[in-house]
């Protein structure tokens, strides 16, 4: 799975769906079953903390400058503003057997990668 496909693409939507998160880019769709942390120069924000949703949604319209996925370690997405989304993929940090899904075309019916 090559998550670097989202580099250079804008985040077009952030969707909170019950107990998971969907990040839509210009084409691809990234679904996370583990909540990422938002790292900014001023500090970091975790799910449930004040301002977490605001800072996550503030990324809509920003382009991805770097995206990495290291199986069993972490998913990291850096945006043009310097903000980083980081989700742990360590087994002990997961609440489900899989941490997320990636649909390069944006449509899971066209192909879906689980991680």
N, C-alpha and C. Protein backbone atom coordinates (compact mmCIF):
# COMPACT_ATOMS: atom_id res chain seq x y z
N UNK A 1 0.84 -1.17 0.00
CA UNK A 1 0.00 0.00 0.00
C UNK A 1 0.89 1.24 0.00
N UNK A 2 0.60 2.15 -0.90
CA UNK A 2 1.41 3.36 -1.04
C UNK A 2 0.60 4.58 -0.64
N UNK A 3 0.74 4.98 0.61
CA UNK A 3 0.00 6.14 1.14
C UNK A 3 0.54 7.45 0.59
N UNK A 4 1.73 7.43 -0.01
CA UNK A 4 2.33 8.66 -0.53
C UNK A 4 1.51 9.24 -1.68
N UNK A 5 0.53 8.50 -2.18
CA UNK A 5 -0.34 9.00 -3.24
C UNK A 5 -1.09 10.26 -2.82
N UNK A 6 -1.25 10.47 -1.50
CA UNK A 6 -1.99 11.66 -1.05
C UNK A 6 -1.10 12.90 -0.96
N UNK A 7 0.21 12.72 -1.12
CA UNK A 7 1.11 13.87 -1.08
C UNK A 7 0.78 14.82 -2.23
N UNK A 8 0.69 16.10 -1.91
CA UNK A 8 0.33 17.10 -2.90
C UNK A 8 -1.17 17.31 -3.04
N UNK A 9 -1.96 16.46 -2.42
CA UNK A 9 -3.41 16.59 -2.50
C UNK A 9 -3.96 17.36 -1.31
N UNK A 10 -5.06 18.06 -1.54
CA UNK A 10 -5.72 18.80 -0.47
C UNK A 10 -6.66 17.89 0.30
N UNK A 11 -6.75 18.13 1.59
CA UNK A 11 -7.76 17.48 2.41
C UNK A 11 -9.08 18.17 2.10
N UNK A 12 -10.05 17.42 1.60
CA UNK A 12 -11.30 18.04 1.18
C UNK A 12 -12.43 17.86 2.20
N UNK A 13 -12.31 16.87 3.09
CA UNK A 13 -13.37 16.66 4.08
C UNK A 13 -12.83 15.87 5.27
N UNK A 14 -13.37 16.18 6.43
CA UNK A 14 -13.12 15.43 7.66
C UNK A 14 -14.49 14.97 8.13
N UNK A 15 -14.66 13.65 8.25
CA UNK A 15 -15.97 13.10 8.62
C UNK A 15 -15.85 12.27 9.89
N UNK A 16 -16.61 12.67 10.91
CA UNK A 16 -16.66 11.93 12.16
C UNK A 16 -17.85 10.98 12.06
N UNK A 17 -17.60 9.68 12.05
CA UNK A 17 -18.66 8.69 11.87
C UNK A 17 -18.66 7.77 13.09
N UNK A 18 -19.57 8.01 14.02
CA UNK A 18 -19.68 7.26 15.28
C UNK A 18 -18.32 7.07 15.93
N UNK A 19 -17.66 5.93 15.71
CA UNK A 19 -16.41 5.64 16.40
C UNK A 19 -15.21 5.55 15.47
N UNK A 20 -15.29 6.20 14.32
CA UNK A 20 -14.13 6.26 13.43
C UNK A 20 -14.12 7.57 12.68
N UNK A 21 -13.02 7.79 11.97
CA UNK A 21 -12.77 9.05 11.28
C UNK A 21 -12.48 8.79 9.82
N UNK A 22 -13.04 9.61 8.93
CA UNK A 22 -12.72 9.51 7.51
C UNK A 22 -12.10 10.82 7.05
N UNK A 23 -10.99 10.71 6.34
CA UNK A 23 -10.32 11.85 5.75
C UNK A 23 -10.40 11.70 4.24
N UNK A 24 -11.05 12.65 3.59
CA UNK A 24 -11.19 12.62 2.14
C UNK A 24 -10.22 13.61 1.52
N UNK A 25 -9.51 13.13 0.53
CA UNK A 25 -8.58 13.97 -0.20
C UNK A 25 -9.17 14.21 -1.58
N UNK A 26 -8.41 14.70 -2.52
CA UNK A 26 -8.94 15.02 -3.86
C UNK A 26 -9.44 13.78 -4.58
N UNK A 27 -9.03 12.63 -4.16
CA UNK A 27 -9.49 11.37 -4.73
C UNK A 27 -9.56 10.31 -3.65
N UNK A 28 -8.44 10.04 -2.99
CA UNK A 28 -8.39 8.97 -1.99
C UNK A 28 -9.23 9.23 -0.74
N UNK A 29 -9.58 8.12 -0.10
CA UNK A 29 -10.32 8.13 1.16
C UNK A 29 -9.53 7.33 2.18
N UNK A 30 -9.27 7.93 3.32
CA UNK A 30 -8.55 7.27 4.41
C UNK A 30 -9.51 7.16 5.58
N UNK A 31 -9.74 5.94 6.04
CA UNK A 31 -10.62 5.68 7.18
C UNK A 31 -9.76 5.20 8.33
N UNK A 32 -9.91 5.85 9.49
CA UNK A 32 -9.12 5.49 10.66
C UNK A 32 -10.03 4.98 11.77
N UNK A 33 -9.72 3.79 12.28
CA UNK A 33 -10.47 3.21 13.40
C UNK A 33 -9.75 3.50 14.71
N UNK A 34 -8.65 4.21 14.62
CA UNK A 34 -7.91 4.70 15.78
C UNK A 34 -7.79 6.20 15.61
N UNK A 35 -7.95 6.95 16.67
CA UNK A 35 -7.96 8.40 16.57
C UNK A 35 -6.54 8.95 16.49
N UNK A 36 -6.28 9.80 15.52
CA UNK A 36 -4.94 10.40 15.42
C UNK A 36 -4.79 11.55 16.43
N UNK A 37 -3.57 11.89 16.71
CA UNK A 37 -3.27 13.09 17.48
C UNK A 37 -2.93 14.18 16.49
N UNK A 38 -3.23 15.42 16.85
CA UNK A 38 -2.93 16.59 16.02
C UNK A 38 -1.76 17.32 16.69
N UNK A 39 -0.65 17.42 15.97
CA UNK A 39 0.53 18.09 16.50
C UNK A 39 0.71 19.42 15.78
N UNK A 40 0.73 20.50 16.57
CA UNK A 40 0.96 21.85 16.06
C UNK A 40 2.16 22.42 16.79
N UNK A 41 2.69 23.49 16.29
CA UNK A 41 3.83 24.13 16.94
C UNK A 41 3.48 24.50 18.39
N UNK A 42 2.24 24.90 18.62
CA UNK A 42 1.81 25.36 19.94
C UNK A 42 1.50 24.23 20.91
N UNK A 43 1.38 23.00 20.42
CA UNK A 43 1.05 21.88 21.29
C UNK A 43 0.37 20.77 20.52
N UNK A 44 -0.06 19.75 21.25
CA UNK A 44 -0.73 18.62 20.61
C UNK A 44 -2.13 18.44 21.20
N UNK A 45 -2.98 17.78 20.41
CA UNK A 45 -4.37 17.59 20.79
C UNK A 45 -4.76 16.15 20.47
N UNK A 46 -5.40 15.50 21.44
CA UNK A 46 -5.86 14.13 21.27
C UNK A 46 -7.38 14.11 21.24
N UNK A 47 -7.95 13.04 20.70
CA UNK A 47 -9.39 12.89 20.64
C UNK A 47 -9.99 13.09 22.03
N UNK A 48 -11.05 13.88 22.10
CA UNK A 48 -11.73 14.15 23.36
C UNK A 48 -11.25 15.40 24.07
N UNK A 49 -10.10 15.92 23.66
CA UNK A 49 -9.59 17.13 24.27
C UNK A 49 -10.21 18.36 23.60
N UNK A 50 -10.31 19.46 24.37
CA UNK A 50 -10.83 20.69 23.77
C UNK A 50 -10.00 21.08 22.55
N UNK A 51 -10.67 21.51 21.54
CA UNK A 51 -10.07 22.01 20.30
C UNK A 51 -9.59 20.92 19.34
N UNK A 52 -9.64 19.63 19.71
CA UNK A 52 -9.19 18.57 18.80
C UNK A 52 -9.93 18.65 17.47
N UNK A 53 -11.23 18.68 17.52
CA UNK A 53 -12.04 18.69 16.29
C UNK A 53 -11.81 19.98 15.49
N UNK A 54 -11.69 21.09 16.18
CA UNK A 54 -11.47 22.36 15.49
C UNK A 54 -10.15 22.35 14.71
N UNK A 55 -9.08 21.89 15.35
CA UNK A 55 -7.78 21.87 14.66
C UNK A 55 -7.76 20.86 13.53
N UNK A 56 -8.45 19.74 13.71
CA UNK A 56 -8.52 18.75 12.64
C UNK A 56 -9.29 19.31 11.45
N UNK A 57 -10.43 19.93 11.70
CA UNK A 57 -11.23 20.50 10.62
C UNK A 57 -10.54 21.71 9.98
N UNK A 58 -9.69 22.40 10.71
CA UNK A 58 -8.96 23.55 10.16
C UNK A 58 -8.00 23.13 9.05
N UNK A 59 -7.72 21.83 8.97
CA UNK A 59 -6.82 21.33 7.92
C UNK A 59 -7.51 21.19 6.57
N UNK A 60 -8.83 21.28 6.54
CA UNK A 60 -9.56 21.18 5.27
C UNK A 60 -9.07 22.28 4.33
N UNK A 61 -8.68 21.90 3.14
CA UNK A 61 -8.17 22.83 2.15
C UNK A 61 -6.65 22.90 2.12
N UNK A 62 -5.99 22.28 3.09
CA UNK A 62 -4.53 22.25 3.10
C UNK A 62 -4.01 21.04 2.33
N UNK A 63 -2.84 21.20 1.73
CA UNK A 63 -2.20 20.11 0.99
C UNK A 63 -1.30 19.30 1.88
N UNK A 64 -1.20 18.03 1.56
CA UNK A 64 -0.31 17.11 2.27
C UNK A 64 1.10 17.27 1.69
N UNK A 65 2.07 17.46 2.57
CA UNK A 65 3.46 17.56 2.12
C UNK A 65 4.21 16.25 2.27
N UNK A 66 3.79 15.43 3.23
CA UNK A 66 4.44 14.13 3.42
C UNK A 66 3.48 13.17 4.08
N UNK A 67 3.49 11.93 3.64
CA UNK A 67 2.64 10.90 4.23
C UNK A 67 3.43 9.60 4.33
N UNK A 68 3.44 9.03 5.53
CA UNK A 68 4.15 7.76 5.73
C UNK A 68 3.28 6.81 6.53
N UNK A 69 3.42 5.55 6.23
CA UNK A 69 2.73 4.51 6.98
C UNK A 69 3.74 3.40 7.23
N UNK A 70 4.04 3.19 8.48
CA UNK A 70 4.94 2.10 8.86
C UNK A 70 4.10 1.08 9.62
N UNK A 71 3.83 -0.06 8.96
CA UNK A 71 2.97 -1.09 9.54
C UNK A 71 3.38 -1.42 10.96
N UNK A 72 2.40 -1.46 11.86
CA UNK A 72 2.66 -1.80 13.24
C UNK A 72 3.30 -0.70 14.07
N UNK A 73 3.57 0.45 13.44
CA UNK A 73 4.21 1.54 14.17
C UNK A 73 3.33 2.79 14.16
N UNK A 74 3.20 3.45 12.99
CA UNK A 74 2.42 4.69 12.95
C UNK A 74 2.08 5.11 11.53
N UNK A 75 1.02 5.88 11.42
CA UNK A 75 0.63 6.59 10.20
C UNK A 75 0.87 8.06 10.52
N UNK A 76 1.56 8.75 9.61
CA UNK A 76 1.84 10.16 9.85
C UNK A 76 1.58 10.95 8.57
N UNK A 77 0.82 12.04 8.71
CA UNK A 77 0.50 12.91 7.58
C UNK A 77 0.87 14.33 7.98
N UNK A 78 1.74 14.95 7.19
CA UNK A 78 2.14 16.33 7.45
C UNK A 78 1.51 17.24 6.40
N UNK A 79 1.01 18.39 6.86
CA UNK A 79 0.36 19.35 5.99
C UNK A 79 1.24 20.57 5.77
N UNK A 80 0.90 21.37 4.77
CA UNK A 80 1.70 22.52 4.38
C UNK A 80 1.91 23.52 5.51
N UNK A 81 1.01 23.57 6.47
CA UNK A 81 1.14 24.49 7.61
C UNK A 81 2.12 23.97 8.66
N UNK A 82 2.57 22.73 8.48
CA UNK A 82 3.46 22.11 9.45
C UNK A 82 2.73 21.23 10.45
N UNK A 83 1.40 21.27 10.44
CA UNK A 83 0.61 20.42 11.33
C UNK A 83 0.78 18.97 10.92
N UNK A 84 0.90 18.10 11.92
CA UNK A 84 1.08 16.67 11.68
C UNK A 84 -0.05 15.90 12.34
N UNK A 85 -0.66 14.98 11.59
CA UNK A 85 -1.60 14.01 12.15
C UNK A 85 -0.82 12.73 12.34
N UNK A 86 -0.90 12.16 13.51
CA UNK A 86 -0.17 10.92 13.77
C UNK A 86 -1.07 9.95 14.51
N UNK A 87 -1.21 8.75 13.94
CA UNK A 87 -2.00 7.70 14.56
C UNK A 87 -1.09 6.51 14.86
N UNK A 88 -1.09 6.08 16.10
CA UNK A 88 -0.31 4.91 16.46
C UNK A 88 -0.93 3.67 15.84
N UNK A 89 -0.10 2.80 15.30
CA UNK A 89 -0.56 1.53 14.73
C UNK A 89 -0.04 0.36 15.56
N UNK A 90 0.49 0.67 16.74
CA UNK A 90 0.99 -0.39 17.61
C UNK A 90 -0.19 -1.19 18.14
N UNK A 91 -0.04 -2.49 18.16
CA UNK A 91 -1.12 -3.38 18.56
C UNK A 91 -1.72 -3.01 19.92
N UNK A 92 -0.86 -2.62 20.85
CA UNK A 92 -1.35 -2.29 22.19
C UNK A 92 -2.16 -0.99 22.23
N UNK A 93 -2.09 -0.18 21.18
CA UNK A 93 -2.84 1.08 21.13
C UNK A 93 -4.15 0.96 20.35
N UNK A 94 -4.38 -0.18 19.73
CA UNK A 94 -5.56 -0.35 18.87
C UNK A 94 -6.73 -0.95 19.64
N UNK A 95 -7.94 -0.49 19.29
CA UNK A 95 -9.16 -1.03 19.89
C UNK A 95 -9.84 -2.06 18.98
N UNK A 96 -9.30 -2.24 17.77
CA UNK A 96 -9.87 -3.18 16.82
C UNK A 96 -8.73 -3.91 16.11
N UNK A 97 -9.03 -4.99 15.41
CA UNK A 97 -7.97 -5.75 14.73
C UNK A 97 -7.24 -4.95 13.65
N UNK A 98 -7.90 -3.98 13.06
CA UNK A 98 -7.25 -3.16 12.05
C UNK A 98 -7.32 -1.69 12.46
N UNK A 99 -6.31 -0.93 12.05
CA UNK A 99 -6.23 0.48 12.42
C UNK A 99 -6.97 1.36 11.43
N UNK A 100 -7.07 0.88 10.17
CA UNK A 100 -7.73 1.70 9.18
C UNK A 100 -7.82 1.05 7.82
N UNK A 101 -8.33 1.83 6.87
CA UNK A 101 -8.49 1.40 5.48
C UNK A 101 -8.13 2.56 4.57
N UNK A 102 -7.63 2.21 3.41
CA UNK A 102 -7.26 3.21 2.42
C UNK A 102 -7.84 2.82 1.08
N UNK A 103 -8.64 3.72 0.49
CA UNK A 103 -9.23 3.51 -0.83
C UNK A 103 -8.64 4.56 -1.77
N UNK A 104 -7.67 4.19 -2.62
CA UNK A 104 -7.00 5.16 -3.49
C UNK A 104 -7.94 5.96 -4.39
N UNK A 105 -9.02 5.35 -4.85
CA UNK A 105 -9.94 6.05 -5.75
C UNK A 105 -11.01 6.82 -4.98
N UNK A 106 -11.08 6.58 -3.67
CA UNK A 106 -12.14 7.20 -2.87
C UNK A 106 -13.35 6.31 -2.74
N UNK A 107 -13.42 5.25 -3.54
CA UNK A 107 -14.54 4.32 -3.52
C UNK A 107 -14.04 2.95 -3.10
N UNK A 108 -14.41 2.48 -1.91
CA UNK A 108 -13.96 1.16 -1.44
C UNK A 108 -14.28 0.01 -2.39
N UNK A 109 -15.31 0.18 -3.21
CA UNK A 109 -15.67 -0.86 -4.18
C UNK A 109 -14.59 -1.03 -5.26
N UNK A 110 -13.81 0.01 -5.51
CA UNK A 110 -12.77 -0.04 -6.54
C UNK A 110 -11.45 -0.60 -6.03
N UNK A 111 -11.35 -0.84 -4.76
CA UNK A 111 -10.12 -1.36 -4.17
C UNK A 111 -9.91 -0.76 -2.80
N UNK A 112 -9.55 -1.61 -1.86
CA UNK A 112 -9.43 -1.19 -0.49
C UNK A 112 -8.23 -1.89 0.14
N UNK A 113 -7.41 -1.14 0.83
CA UNK A 113 -6.27 -1.70 1.54
C UNK A 113 -6.50 -1.51 3.03
N UNK A 114 -6.28 -2.56 3.79
CA UNK A 114 -6.44 -2.48 5.24
C UNK A 114 -5.06 -2.46 5.89
N UNK A 115 -4.97 -1.74 6.98
CA UNK A 115 -3.70 -1.71 7.71
C UNK A 115 -3.97 -1.72 9.20
